[in-house]
Amino acid sequence: MKISTRIIWIWLLLFLPFLSFKLFRLYIENEKHEKQYSSSLDIYTGSKFALDHFVDSNGADTKIDLSKSDITVVDFWFKDCPPCLDDMKSYSKLIQGKEKQINVVTVCVNRFDIWKALLDSSDERFIMFSMPVSNWKHLVLKSTEDPKLKNEIPAKNLLLLDSSFHTTSFPMYFVLDKNGTIIAAPFSLSKYIELEILKRNSFLYFLKKSNTWSADLYFIPLAFVEYSGFFWIFTILTLSLAHALRKKYY
């Protein structure tokens, strides 16, 4: 039994559709995971966003202005939340020049002094806060907790969110219309903007995301090994059967 050069080429060429299938399957699983993650907040779609416990960088009570844009997104986050910060890194590029379409309000749930320091931090993780964008406003959740407790995240902030939305998972996004009605609670704000406002293709967005590939550094090599196993088992069995048939009849 001889493995020809032609079979080697077929092996290599068929890997591409196999890899495409694996990627599409990963995409479906990712979409399912995102839908499950945000399902607890989907029940609030159609209801009014009632929270108004916000403070600006000067320490003054403030409210969210819904009149500036077609939609306003409220993004709850905290200092040590990697997915929160990763998503924020793309906000400036995505929303700049789209003041009439979208306004973003990121609401930190950390203590006021911790949040205030982040706005001027030289730490790479928070560099996006030093890039002012007219339709991106930074606020902090107002807390009545005793400052002497020194909690990085005031317990009362978490209780407020839990009592309002029955979850304290972050990031937490709410898309509001001009009347303050929640029209969506997406898994990722950057993805929502790209798909719903910029009208990008969902599968192409998935492919271009860096964490699609970095989440599993060995995705392609593992797919190649898996594919090779299937291919060569099938090929060897087929060639063996063909060889046996030829031997029998000739």
Protein backbone atom coordinates (compact mmCIF):
# COMPACT_ATOMS: atom_id res chain seq x y z
CA MET A 1 0.00 0.00 0.00
CA LYS A 2 1.53 3.30 -1.13
CA ILE A 3 0.66 6.84 0.04
CA SER A 4 0.91 8.96 -3.12
CA THR A 5 1.77 12.65 -3.43
CA ARG A 6 -1.78 13.19 -4.67
CA ILE A 7 -3.17 11.92 -1.37
CA ILE A 8 -0.85 14.26 0.54
CA TRP A 9 -2.23 17.22 -1.44
CA ILE A 10 -5.81 16.11 -0.87
CA TRP A 11 -5.00 15.84 2.84
CA LEU A 12 -3.73 19.43 2.95
CA LEU A 13 -6.53 20.91 0.82
CA LEU A 14 -9.33 19.24 2.79
CA PHE A 15 -7.95 20.69 6.02
CA LEU A 16 -9.27 24.14 5.09
CA PRO A 17 -12.98 23.18 5.01
CA PHE A 18 -12.44 21.13 8.18
CA LEU A 19 -10.91 24.15 9.93
CA SER A 20 -13.79 26.33 8.67
CA PHE A 21 -16.27 23.85 10.13
CA LYS A 22 -14.44 23.87 13.48
CA LEU A 23 -14.43 27.68 13.53
CA PHE A 24 -18.14 27.88 12.71
CA ARG A 25 -18.89 25.36 15.43
CA LEU A 26 -16.85 27.45 17.88
CA TYR A 27 -18.79 30.53 16.73
CA ILE A 28 -22.13 28.81 17.42
CA GLU A 29 -20.97 27.73 20.88
CA ASN A 30 -19.73 31.26 21.59
CA GLU A 31 -23.07 32.78 20.54
CA LYS A 32 -24.91 30.30 22.75
CA HIS A 33 -22.68 31.15 25.71
CA GLU A 34 -23.20 34.89 25.24
CA LYS A 35 -26.95 34.46 25.00
CA GLN A 36 -27.03 32.40 28.20
CA TYR A 37 -24.84 34.94 30.01
CA SER A 38 -27.06 37.90 29.15
CA SER A 39 -30.40 36.05 29.44
CA SER A 40 -30.83 37.13 33.08
CA LEU A 41 -30.82 40.77 31.98
CA ASP A 42 -32.97 40.25 28.87
CA ILE A 43 -36.07 40.14 31.10
CA TYR A 44 -35.63 43.86 31.74
CA THR A 45 -35.99 44.70 28.05
CA GLY A 46 -39.03 46.94 27.66
CA SER A 47 -38.89 48.26 31.22
CA LYS A 48 -37.70 51.64 32.41
CA PHE A 49 -34.14 52.13 33.62
CA ALA A 50 -34.82 53.57 37.06
CA LEU A 51 -31.35 53.95 38.63
CA ASP A 52 -30.20 57.54 39.20
CA HIS A 53 -27.57 57.14 41.93
CA PHE A 54 -24.63 58.64 40.03
CA VAL A 55 -21.77 61.00 40.84
CA ASP A 56 -19.41 62.81 38.46
CA SER A 57 -15.66 63.33 38.86
CA ASN A 58 -16.28 66.51 40.89
CA GLY A 59 -18.27 64.55 43.44
CA ALA A 60 -21.56 66.13 42.40
CA ASP A 61 -24.80 64.18 42.00
CA THR A 62 -25.73 63.84 38.34
CA LYS A 63 -28.23 62.18 36.05
CA ILE A 64 -27.83 60.51 32.68
CA ASP A 65 -28.84 62.73 29.77
CA LEU A 66 -30.81 60.61 27.30
CA SER A 67 -31.60 63.43 24.87
CA LYS A 68 -28.19 63.66 23.19
CA SER A 69 -28.32 60.48 21.11
CA ASP A 70 -30.72 57.95 19.64
CA ILE A 71 -29.50 55.42 22.19
CA THR A 72 -27.57 55.67 25.45
CA VAL A 73 -25.64 52.72 26.81
CA VAL A 74 -25.03 52.37 30.54
CA ASP A 75 -22.01 50.20 31.24
CA PHE A 76 -21.41 49.02 34.83
CA TRP A 77 -17.84 47.95 35.58
CA PHE A 78 -15.19 47.78 38.29
CA LYS A 79 -11.43 48.26 38.47
CA ASP A 80 -10.31 44.62 38.49
CA CYS A 81 -12.65 43.34 35.79
CA PRO A 82 -10.52 42.28 32.75
CA PRO A 83 -13.48 41.80 30.33
CA CYS A 84 -14.82 45.24 31.33
CA LEU A 85 -11.52 46.94 30.54
CA ASP A 86 -10.89 44.93 27.37
CA ASP A 87 -14.25 45.99 25.94
CA MET A 88 -13.71 49.64 26.83
CA LYS A 89 -10.45 49.81 24.87
CA SER A 90 -12.37 49.89 21.60
CA TYR A 91 -15.08 52.41 22.60
CA SER A 92 -13.24 55.55 21.46
CA LYS A 93 -12.67 54.27 17.94
CA LEU A 94 -16.18 52.84 17.60
CA ILE A 95 -18.27 55.78 18.85
CA GLN A 96 -16.19 58.83 17.89
CA GLY A 97 -18.13 61.01 15.45
CA LYS A 98 -21.40 59.16 16.12
CA GLU A 99 -22.80 61.56 18.73
CA LYS A 100 -26.32 61.48 17.25
CA GLN A 101 -26.40 57.70 17.14
CA ILE A 102 -24.91 56.64 20.46
CA ASN A 103 -23.89 57.96 23.84
CA VAL A 104 -21.96 55.77 26.30
CA VAL A 105 -21.98 56.20 30.07
CA THR A 106 -19.55 53.98 31.95
CA VAL A 107 -20.52 53.66 35.60
CA CYS A 108 -17.85 52.40 37.98
CA VAL A 109 -19.01 50.56 41.10
CA ASN A 110 -15.74 51.05 43.00
CA ARG A 111 -15.27 53.57 45.78
CA PHE A 112 -15.20 57.18 44.54
CA ASP A 113 -11.53 57.84 45.37
CA ILE A 114 -10.38 54.63 43.67
CA TRP A 115 -12.37 55.44 40.54
CA LYS A 116 -11.20 59.07 40.47
CA ALA A 117 -7.55 57.94 40.53
CA LEU A 118 -8.14 55.66 37.54
CA LEU A 119 -9.23 58.56 35.32
CA ASP A 120 -5.72 60.03 35.48
CA SER A 121 -3.81 56.78 35.84
CA SER A 122 -0.73 56.08 33.70
CA ASP A 123 -1.41 52.35 33.97
CA GLU A 124 -1.81 50.81 30.49
CA ARG A 125 -5.03 49.09 31.58
CA PHE A 126 -6.76 52.44 32.04
CA ILE A 127 -5.14 54.43 29.21
CA MET A 128 -8.48 54.74 27.38
CA PHE A 129 -9.75 57.10 30.09
CA SER A 130 -7.18 59.70 29.06
CA MET A 131 -8.67 59.89 25.56
CA PRO A 132 -11.66 62.26 25.88
CA VAL A 133 -14.60 61.50 23.58
CA SER A 134 -17.61 63.81 23.59
CA ASN A 135 -20.17 61.00 23.65
CA TRP A 136 -18.45 58.93 26.33
CA LYS A 137 -19.10 60.03 29.91
CA HIS A 138 -17.53 58.58 33.07
CA LEU A 139 -19.55 58.34 36.29
CA VAL A 140 -19.40 56.38 39.52
CA LEU A 141 -22.21 54.73 41.42
CA LYS A 142 -23.12 56.78 44.47
CA SER A 143 -22.73 54.96 47.76
CA THR A 144 -23.98 55.74 51.24
CA GLU A 145 -21.63 53.20 52.80
CA ASP A 146 -19.41 54.41 55.63
CA PRO A 147 -16.01 55.32 54.05
CA LYS A 148 -14.29 53.95 57.18
CA LEU A 149 -15.07 50.43 55.97
CA LYS A 150 -12.56 50.96 53.15
CA ASN A 151 -14.24 48.46 50.82
CA GLU A 152 -12.86 48.83 47.29
CA ILE A 153 -16.38 48.08 46.08
CA PRO A 154 -18.96 49.36 48.56
CA ALA A 155 -21.24 46.50 49.60
CA LYS A 156 -24.23 48.82 49.22
CA ASN A 157 -23.37 49.34 45.54
CA LEU A 158 -23.54 45.61 44.92
CA LEU A 159 -26.76 45.36 46.93
CA LEU A 160 -28.26 48.17 44.85
CA LEU A 161 -27.45 46.42 41.58
CA ASP A 162 -28.60 43.06 42.90
CA SER A 163 -31.90 44.48 44.09
CA SER A 164 -32.39 46.32 40.79
CA PHE A 165 -31.32 43.63 38.32
CA HIS A 166 -30.84 40.46 40.41
CA THR A 167 -27.22 40.06 39.36
CA THR A 168 -23.77 41.39 40.16
CA SER A 169 -22.01 39.96 37.10
CA PHE A 170 -19.76 42.35 35.19
CA PRO A 171 -19.61 43.87 32.71
CA MET A 172 -23.30 44.74 32.74
CA TYR A 173 -24.75 46.73 29.83
CA PHE A 174 -28.12 48.37 29.26
CA VAL A 175 -29.08 50.06 25.98
CA LEU A 176 -31.66 52.80 26.52
CA ASP A 177 -33.79 54.77 24.10
CA LYS A 178 -34.53 58.48 24.57
CA ASN A 179 -37.40 57.66 26.94
CA GLY A 180 -35.18 55.63 29.25
CA THR A 181 -36.65 52.29 28.15
CA ILE A 182 -34.24 49.37 28.09
CA ILE A 183 -34.14 48.06 24.51
CA ALA A 184 -31.24 45.60 24.88
CA ALA A 185 -28.85 44.09 27.44
CA PRO A 186 -25.95 42.86 25.27
CA PHE A 187 -23.10 40.59 26.26
CA SER A 188 -20.53 43.04 24.86
CA LEU A 189 -20.97 46.71 24.04
CA SER A 190 -18.25 46.76 21.38
CA LYS A 191 -19.94 43.82 19.66
CA TYR A 192 -23.35 45.50 19.92
CA ILE A 193 -22.00 48.66 18.28
CA GLU A 194 -20.29 46.77 15.46
CA LEU A 195 -23.30 44.58 14.69
CA GLU A 196 -26.27 46.86 15.41
CA ILE A 197 -24.90 50.30 14.51
CA LEU A 198 -22.09 49.61 12.05
CA LYS A 199 -23.98 46.60 10.61
CA ARG A 200 -20.99 44.28 10.53
CA ASN A 201 -21.38 40.56 9.86
CA SER A 202 -21.59 38.56 13.10
CA PHE A 203 -19.36 35.67 11.94
CA LEU A 204 -16.70 37.99 10.47
CA TYR A 205 -16.73 39.97 13.73
CA PHE A 206 -16.11 36.71 15.59
CA LEU A 207 -13.17 35.84 13.32
CA LYS A 208 -11.46 39.20 13.69
CA LYS A 209 -11.66 39.27 17.49
CA SER A 210 -8.22 38.72 18.97
CA ASN A 211 -9.55 36.57 21.82
CA THR A 212 -11.11 34.16 19.31
CA TRP A 213 -7.57 33.02 18.64
CA SER A 214 -5.80 33.92 21.88
CA ALA A 215 -8.40 32.14 24.02
CA ASP A 216 -6.98 28.87 22.75
CA LEU A 217 -3.45 29.30 21.47
CA TYR A 218 -3.41 25.75 20.17
CA PHE A 219 -6.75 25.84 18.35
CA ILE A 220 -5.30 25.39 14.84
CA PRO A 221 -2.65 22.76 15.79
CA LEU A 222 -5.27 20.76 17.72
CA ALA A 223 -7.70 21.00 14.80
CA PHE A 224 -4.91 19.81 12.50
CA VAL A 225 -4.16 16.82 14.72
CA GLU A 226 -7.84 15.93 15.01
CA TYR A 227 -8.35 16.26 11.25
CA SER A 228 -5.22 14.24 10.48
CA GLY A 229 -6.44 11.41 12.69
CA PHE A 230 -9.81 11.22 10.90
CA PHE A 231 -8.27 11.63 7.45
CA TRP A 232 -5.52 9.05 7.75
CA ILE A 233 -7.70 6.44 9.44
CA PHE A 234 -10.25 6.83 6.63
CA THR A 235 -7.53 6.87 3.94
CA ILE A 236 -5.66 3.83 5.25
CA LEU A 237 -8.89 1.84 5.63
CA THR A 238 -9.97 2.82 2.11
CA LEU A 239 -6.58 1.95 0.58
CA SER A 240 -6.43 -1.32 2.50
CA LEU A 241 -9.90 -2.27 1.29
CA ALA A 242 -9.02 -1.32 -2.31
CA HIS A 243 -5.80 -3.32 -2.09
CA ALA A 244 -7.65 -6.35 -0.71
CA LEU A 245 -10.27 -6.17 -3.46
CA ARG A 246 -7.64 -5.89 -6.18
CA LYS A 247 -5.76 -8.86 -4.73
CA LYS A 248 -8.96 -10.91 -4.58
CA TYR A 249 -10.07 -10.27 -8.15
CA TYR A 250 -6.71 -10.09 -9.86
